[in-house]
PDB file of N, CA and C in Angstrom:
ATOM      1  N   MET A   1     212.086-101.334-171.530  1.00  0.00           N
ATOM      2  CA  MET A   1     212.300-102.125-170.336  1.00  0.00           C
ATOM      3  C   MET A   1     212.602-101.163-169.184  1.00  0.00           C
ATOM      4  N   SER A   2     211.979-101.389-168.064  1.00  0.00           N
ATOM      5  CA  SER A   2     212.159-100.538-166.891  1.00  0.00           C
ATOM      6  C   SER A   2     213.462-100.861-166.179  1.00  0.00           C
ATOM      7  N   THR A   3     214.140 -99.812-165.728  1.00  0.00           N
ATOM      8  CA  THR A   3     215.357-100.021-164.963  1.00  0.00           C
ATOM      9  C   THR A   3     215.126 -99.754-163.486  1.00  0.00           C
ATOM     10  N   GLU A   4     213.872 -99.512-163.101  1.00  0.00           N
ATOM     11  CA  GLU A   4     213.531 -99.284-161.704  1.00  0.00           C
ATOM     12  C   GLU A   4     213.750-100.568-160.908  1.00  0.00           C
ATOM     13  N   PRO A   5     214.366-100.475-159.737  1.00  0.00           N
ATOM     14  CA  PRO A   5     214.542-101.679-158.912  1.00  0.00           C
ATOM     15  C   PRO A   5     213.192-102.195-158.415  1.00  0.00           C
ATOM     16  N   ILE A   6     213.102-103.472-158.221  1.00  0.00           N
ATOM     17  CA  ILE A   6     211.899-104.106-157.694  1.00  0.00           C
ATOM     18  C   ILE A   6     212.037-104.168-156.184  1.00  0.00           C
ATOM     19  N   SER A   7     211.130-103.484-155.481  1.00  0.00           N
ATOM     20  CA  SER A   7     211.194-103.478-154.019  1.00  0.00           C
ATOM     21  C   SER A   7     210.240-104.511-153.444  1.00  0.00           C
ATOM     22  N   LEU A   8     210.724-105.285-152.498  1.00  0.00           N
ATOM     23  CA  LEU A   8     209.909-106.311-151.833  1.00  0.00           C
ATOM     24  C   LEU A   8     209.639-105.952-150.385  1.00  0.00           C
ATOM     25  N   LEU A   9     209.869-104.710-150.011  1.00  0.00           N
ATOM     26  CA  LEU A   9     209.832-104.329-148.604  1.00  0.00           C
ATOM     27  C   LEU A   9     208.511-103.713-148.165  1.00  0.00           C
ATOM     28  N   GLY A  10     207.502-103.763-148.957  1.00  0.00           N
ATOM     29  CA  GLY A  10     206.226-103.196-148.546  1.00  0.00           C
ATOM     30  C   GLY A  10     205.156-103.537-149.558  1.00  0.00           C
ATOM     31  N   GLY A  11     204.041-102.879-149.446  1.00  0.00           N
ATOM     32  CA  GLY A  11     202.967-103.106-150.403  1.00  0.00           C
ATOM     33  C   GLY A  11     201.993-104.168-149.935  1.00  0.00           C
ATOM     34  N   HIS A  12     201.214-104.646-150.874  1.00  0.00           N
ATOM     35  CA  HIS A  12     200.158-105.610-150.567  1.00  0.00           C
ATOM     36  C   HIS A  12     200.731-106.989-150.260  1.00  0.00           C
ATOM     37  N   SER A  13     200.170-107.633-149.269  1.00  0.00           N
ATOM     38  CA  SER A  13     200.605-108.980-148.900  1.00  0.00           C
ATOM     39  C   SER A  13     199.916-110.006-149.788  1.00  0.00           C
ATOM     40  N   VAL A  14     200.677-110.998-150.185  1.00  0.00           N
ATOM     41  CA  VAL A  14     200.131-112.088-150.972  1.00  0.00           C
ATOM     42  C   VAL A  14     199.929-113.312-150.083  1.00  0.00           C
ATOM     43  N   TYR A  15     200.839-113.531-149.161  1.00  0.00           N
ATOM     44  CA  TYR A  15     200.780-114.659-148.251  1.00  0.00           C
ATOM     45  C   TYR A  15     200.575-114.163-146.829  1.00  0.00           C
ATOM     46  N   CYS A  16     199.902-114.958-146.037  1.00  0.00           N
ATOM     47  CA  CYS A  16     199.803-114.675-144.607  1.00  0.00           C
ATOM     48  C   CYS A  16     200.917-115.441-143.902  1.00  0.00           C
ATOM     49  N   ILE A  17     201.447-114.864-142.862  1.00  0.00           N
ATOM     50  CA  ILE A  17     202.464-115.545-142.071  1.00  0.00           C
ATOM     51  C   ILE A  17     201.789-116.083-140.823  1.00  0.00           C
ATOM     52  N   ASN A  18     201.896-117.374-140.622  1.00  0.00           N
ATOM     53  CA  ASN A  18     201.323-118.012-139.453  1.00  0.00           C
ATOM     54  C   ASN A  18     202.190-117.684-138.245  1.00  0.00           C
ATOM     55  N   GLU A  19     201.600-117.023-137.261  1.00  0.00           N
ATOM     56  CA  GLU A  19     202.377-116.588-136.098  1.00  0.00           C
ATOM     57  C   GLU A  19     202.945-117.770-135.314  1.00  0.00           C
ATOM     58  N   GLY A  20     202.229-118.876-135.254  1.00  0.00           N
ATOM     59  CA  GLY A  20     202.735-120.070-134.572  1.00  0.00           C
ATOM     60  C   GLY A  20     203.964-120.627-135.265  1.00  0.00           C
ATOM     61  N   GLN A  21     203.926-120.683-136.592  1.00  0.00           N
ATOM     62  CA  GLN A  21     205.082-121.166-137.334  1.00  0.00           C
ATOM     63  C   GLN A  21     206.262-120.204-137.193  1.00  0.00           C
ATOM     64  N   LEU A  22     205.976-118.912-137.165  1.00  0.00           N
ATOM     65  CA  LEU A  22     207.034-117.934-136.984  1.00  0.00           C
ATOM     66  C   LEU A  22     207.685-118.097-135.617  1.00  0.00           C
ATOM     67  N   ARG A  23     206.876-118.288-134.580  1.00  0.00           N
ATOM     68  CA  ARG A  23     207.415-118.531-133.224  1.00  0.00           C
ATOM     69  C   ARG A  23     208.281-119.782-133.208  1.00  0.00           C
ATOM     70  N   ASP A  24     207.790-120.857-133.861  1.00  0.00           N
ATOM     71  CA  ASP A  24     208.564-122.108-133.919  1.00  0.00           C
ATOM     72  C   ASP A  24     209.883-121.911-134.664  1.00  0.00           C
ATOM     73  N   ALA A  25     209.862-121.100-135.720  1.00  0.00           N
ATOM     74  CA  ALA A  25     211.082-120.839-136.476  1.00  0.00           C
ATOM     75  C   ALA A  25     212.100-120.090-135.620  1.00  0.00           C
ATOM     76  N   VAL A  26     211.631-119.089-134.889  1.00  0.00           N
ATOM     77  CA  VAL A  26     212.530-118.345-134.001  1.00  0.00           C
ATOM     78  C   VAL A  26     213.082-119.282-132.929  1.00  0.00           C
ATOM     79  N   GLN A  27     212.225-120.143-132.397  1.00  0.00           N
ATOM     80  CA  GLN A  27     212.669-121.100-131.378  1.00  0.00           C
ATOM     81  C   GLN A  27     213.732-122.036-131.961  1.00  0.00           C
ATOM     82  N   LEU A  28     213.526-122.513-133.190  1.00  0.00           N
ATOM     83  CA  LEU A  28     214.503-123.393-133.829  1.00  0.00           C
ATOM     84  C   LEU A  28     215.829-122.652-134.044  1.00  0.00           C
ATOM     85  N   SER A  29     215.740-121.346-134.345  1.00  0.00           N
ATOM     86  CA  SER A  29     216.966-120.576-134.554  1.00  0.00           C
ATOM     87  C   SER A  29     217.729-120.352-133.252  1.00  0.00           C
ATOM     88  N   GLU A  30     217.087-120.630-132.126  1.00  0.00           N
ATOM     89  CA  GLU A  30     217.731-120.507-130.813  1.00  0.00           C
ATOM     90  C   GLU A  30     218.060-121.867-130.206  1.00  0.00           C
ATOM     91  N   ASP A  31     217.723-122.933-130.895  1.00  0.00           N
ATOM     92  CA  ASP A  31     217.969-124.302-130.441  1.00  0.00           C
ATOM     93  C   ASP A  31     219.473-124.564-130.363  1.00  0.00           C
ATOM     94  N   PRO A  32     219.922-125.295-129.339  1.00  0.00           N
ATOM     95  CA  PRO A  32     221.363-125.554-129.199  1.00  0.00           C
ATOM     96  C   PRO A  32     221.993-126.259-130.401  1.00  0.00           C
ATOM     97  N   GLU A  33     221.249-127.121-131.081  1.00  0.00           N
ATOM     98  CA  GLU A  33     221.806-127.848-132.222  1.00  0.00           C
ATOM     99  C   GLU A  33     221.638-127.065-133.522  1.00  0.00           C
ATOM    100  N   SER A  34     220.434-126.636-133.830  1.00  0.00           N
ATOM    101  CA  SER A  34     220.148-125.956-135.097  1.00  0.00           C
ATOM    102  C   SER A  34     220.512-124.484-135.071  1.00  0.00           C
ATOM    103  N   GLY A  35     220.383-123.856-133.924  1.00  0.00           N
ATOM    104  CA  GLY A  35     220.584-122.418-133.803  1.00  0.00           C
ATOM    105  C   GLY A  35     221.898-121.906-134.341  1.00  0.00           C
ATOM    106  N   PRO A  36     223.026-122.492-133.948  1.00  0.00           N
ATOM    107  CA  PRO A  36     224.311-121.978-134.446  1.00  0.00           C
ATOM    108  C   PRO A  36     224.425-122.029-135.974  1.00  0.00           C
ATOM    109  N   ARG A  37     223.917-123.094-136.592  1.00  0.00           N
ATOM    110  CA  ARG A  37     223.970-123.190-138.058  1.00  0.00           C
ATOM    111  C   ARG A  37     223.096-122.119-138.699  1.00  0.00           C
ATOM    112  N   ILE A  38     221.894-121.954-138.160  1.00  0.00           N
ATOM    113  CA  ILE A  38     220.981-120.947-138.697  1.00  0.00           C
ATOM    114  C   ILE A  38     221.563-119.552-138.510  1.00  0.00           C
ATOM    115  N   GLN A  39     222.059-119.264-137.317  1.00  0.00           N
ATOM    116  CA  GLN A  39     222.614-117.940-137.040  1.00  0.00           C
ATOM    117  C   GLN A  39     223.832-117.646-137.916  1.00  0.00           C
ATOM    118  N   GLU A  40     224.664-118.636-138.164  1.00  0.00           N
ATOM    119  CA  GLU A  40     225.838-118.446-139.022  1.00  0.00           C
ATOM    120  C   GLU A  40     225.414-118.055-140.436  1.00  0.00           C
ATOM    121  N   LYS A  41     224.428-118.772-140.969  1.00  0.00           N
ATOM    122  CA  LYS A  41     223.942-118.470-142.322  1.00  0.00           C
ATOM    123  C   LYS A  41     223.300-117.090-142.368  1.00  0.00           C
ATOM    124  N   LEU A  42     222.523-116.742-141.347  1.00  0.00           N
ATOM    125  CA  LEU A  42     221.896-115.423-141.296  1.00  0.00           C
ATOM    126  C   LEU A  42     222.946-114.314-141.282  1.00  0.00           C
ATOM    127  N   THR A  43     223.962-114.469-140.478  1.00  0.00           N
ATOM    128  CA  THR A  43     225.029-113.472-140.395  1.00  0.00           C
ATOM    129  C   THR A  43     225.708-113.305-141.751  1.00  0.00           C
ATOM    130  N   ASP A  44     226.011-114.428-142.418  1.00  0.00           N
ATOM    131  CA  ASP A  44     226.636-114.384-143.738  1.00  0.00           C
ATOM    132  C   ASP A  44     225.737-113.664-144.743  1.00  0.00           C
ATOM    133  N   LEU A  45     224.451-114.027-144.753  1.00  0.00           N
ATOM    134  CA  LEU A  45     223.515-113.432-145.710  1.00  0.00           C
ATOM    135  C   LEU A  45     223.291-111.951-145.446  1.00  0.00           C
ATOM    136  N   GLU A  46     223.182-111.584-144.183  1.00  0.00           N
ATOM    137  CA  GLU A  46     222.960-110.179-143.843  1.00  0.00           C
ATOM    138  C   GLU A  46     224.152-109.313-144.246  1.00  0.00           C
ATOM    139  N   GLY A  47     225.337-109.896-144.225  1.00  0.00           N
ATOM    140  CA  GLY A  47     226.524-109.163-144.642  1.00  0.00           C
ATOM    141  C   GLY A  47     226.690-109.101-146.148  1.00  0.00           C
ATOM    142  N   ALA A  48     226.123-110.073-146.853  1.00  0.00           N
ATOM    143  CA  ALA A  48     226.331-110.178-148.295  1.00  0.00           C
ATOM    144  C   ALA A  48     225.199-109.598-149.132  1.00  0.00           C
ATOM    145  N   LEU A  49     224.001-109.528-148.569  1.00  0.00           N
ATOM    146  CA  LEU A  49     222.837-109.111-149.336  1.00  0.00           C
ATOM    147  C   LEU A  49     222.207-107.851-148.763  1.00  0.00           C
ATOM    148  N   SER A  50     221.628-107.049-149.649  1.00  0.00           N
ATOM    149  CA  SER A  50     220.866-105.889-149.192  1.00  0.00           C
ATOM    150  C   SER A  50     219.579-106.377-148.524  1.00  0.00           C
ATOM    151  N   ARG A  51     218.905-105.471-147.855  1.00  0.00           N
ATOM    152  CA  ARG A  51     217.647-105.832-147.185  1.00  0.00           C
ATOM    153  C   ARG A  51     216.625-106.347-148.205  1.00  0.00           C
ATOM    154  N   ASN A  52     216.553-105.707-149.354  1.00  0.00           N
ATOM    155  CA  ASN A  52     215.636-106.125-150.400  1.00  0.00           C
ATOM    156  C   ASN A  52     216.014-107.504-150.949  1.00  0.00           C
ATOM    157  N   GLU A  53     217.310-107.745-151.116  1.00  0.00           N
ATOM    158  CA  GLU A  53     217.766-109.060-151.578  1.00  0.00           C
ATOM    159  C   GLU A  53     217.473-110.137-150.544  1.00  0.00           C
ATOM    160  N   GLN A  54     217.598-109.806-149.264  1.00  0.00           N
ATOM    161  CA  GLN A  54     217.242-110.756-148.204  1.00  0.00           C
ATOM    162  C   GLN A  54     215.759-111.110-148.290  1.00  0.00           C
ATOM    163  N   ALA A  55     214.911-110.108-148.531  1.00  0.00           N
ATOM    164  CA  ALA A  55     213.473-110.360-148.671  1.00  0.00           C
ATOM    165  C   ALA A  55     213.214-111.259-149.873  1.00  0.00           C
ATOM    166  N   ALA A  56     213.897-110.996-150.990  1.00  0.00           N
ATOM    167  CA  ALA A  56     213.734-111.833-152.181  1.00  0.00           C
ATOM    168  C   ALA A  56     214.121-113.271-151.886  1.00  0.00           C
ATOM    169  N   LEU A  57     215.247-113.453-151.217  1.00  0.00           N
ATOM    170  CA  LEU A  57     215.706-114.794-150.864  1.00  0.00           C
ATOM    171  C   LEU A  57     214.693-115.503-149.971  1.00  0.00           C
ATOM    172  N   ALA A  58     214.150-114.792-148.992  1.00  0.00           N
ATOM    173  CA  ALA A  58     213.154-115.390-148.100  1.00  0.00           C
ATOM    174  C   ALA A  58     211.940-115.876-148.885  1.00  0.00           C
ATOM    175  N   PHE A  59     211.449-115.050-149.803  1.00  0.00           N
ATOM    176  CA  PHE A  59     210.291-115.445-150.598  1.00  0.00           C
ATOM    177  C   PHE A  59     210.610-116.625-151.507  1.00  0.00           C
ATOM    178  N   VAL A  60     211.798-116.624-152.104  1.00  0.00           N
ATOM    179  CA  VAL A  60     212.191-117.728-152.987  1.00  0.00           C
ATOM    180  C   VAL A  60     212.307-119.024-152.185  1.00  0.00           C
ATOM    181  N   ILE A  61     212.888-118.963-151.004  1.00  0.00           N
ATOM    182  CA  ILE A  61     212.995-120.163-150.157  1.00  0.00           C
ATOM    183  C   ILE A  61     211.605-120.672-149.788  1.00  0.00           C
ATOM    184  N   ILE A  62     210.709-119.774-149.383  1.00  0.00           N
ATOM    185  CA  ILE A  62     209.346-120.187-149.031  1.00  0.00           C
ATOM    186  C   ILE A  62     208.672-120.836-150.229  1.00  0.00           C
ATOM    187  N   GLU A  63     208.816-120.244-151.409  1.00  0.00           N
ATOM    188  CA  GLU A  63     208.186-120.811-152.608  1.00  0.00           C
ATOM    189  C   GLU A  63     208.753-122.190-152.933  1.00  0.00           C
ATOM    190  N   ARG A  64     210.057-122.351-152.808  1.00  0.00           N
ATOM    191  CA  ARG A  64     210.656-123.666-153.065  1.00  0.00           C
ATOM    192  C   ARG A  64     210.167-124.705-152.055  1.00  0.00           C
ATOM    193  N   LEU A  65     210.046-124.296-150.788  1.00  0.00           N
ATOM    194  CA  LEU A  65     209.524-125.218-149.773  1.00  0.00           C
ATOM    195  C   LEU A  65     208.083-125.593-150.056  1.00  0.00           C
ATOM    196  N   ARG A  66     207.299-124.622-150.511  1.00  0.00           N
ATOM    197  CA  ARG A  66     205.892-124.906-150.842  1.00  0.00           C
ATOM    198  C   ARG A  66     205.776-125.914-151.974  1.00  0.00           C
ATOM    199  N   ASN A  67     206.718-125.861-152.894  1.00  0.00           N
ATOM    200  CA  ASN A  67     206.659-126.719-154.077  1.00  0.00           C
ATOM    201  C   ASN A  67     207.469-128.007-153.967  1.00  0.00           C
ATOM    202  N   SER A  68     208.186-128.170-152.847  1.00  0.00           N
ATOM    203  CA  SER A  68     209.001-129.382-152.715  1.00  0.00           C
ATOM    204  C   SER A  68     208.120-130.562-152.303  1.00  0.00           C
ATOM    205  N   THR A  69     208.614-131.753-152.579  1.00  0.00           N
ATOM    206  CA  THR A  69     207.860-132.958-152.254  1.00  0.00           C
ATOM    207  C   THR A  69     208.361-133.655-151.000  1.00  0.00           C
ATOM    208  N   ASP A  70     209.346-133.071-150.321  1.00  0.00           N
ATOM    209  CA  ASP A  70     209.896-133.695-149.114  1.00  0.00           C
ATOM    210  C   ASP A  70     208.911-133.616-147.969  1.00  0.00           C
TER     211      ASP A  70
END
């Protein structure tokens, strides 16, 4: 079994990021109602997780959203 860490910070892309959706996400993170909640969670996560762990979390959240029925 390999003990090498799994890096998510580079390499081949599997998914494309839609620039319009990314712009909308940034806009939502700056929204007077949603922004403070989003920024609070980001600050907490950035303090608690490494950059690689943050990338893993982002991918896991995207995958869960892709598979959710809401």
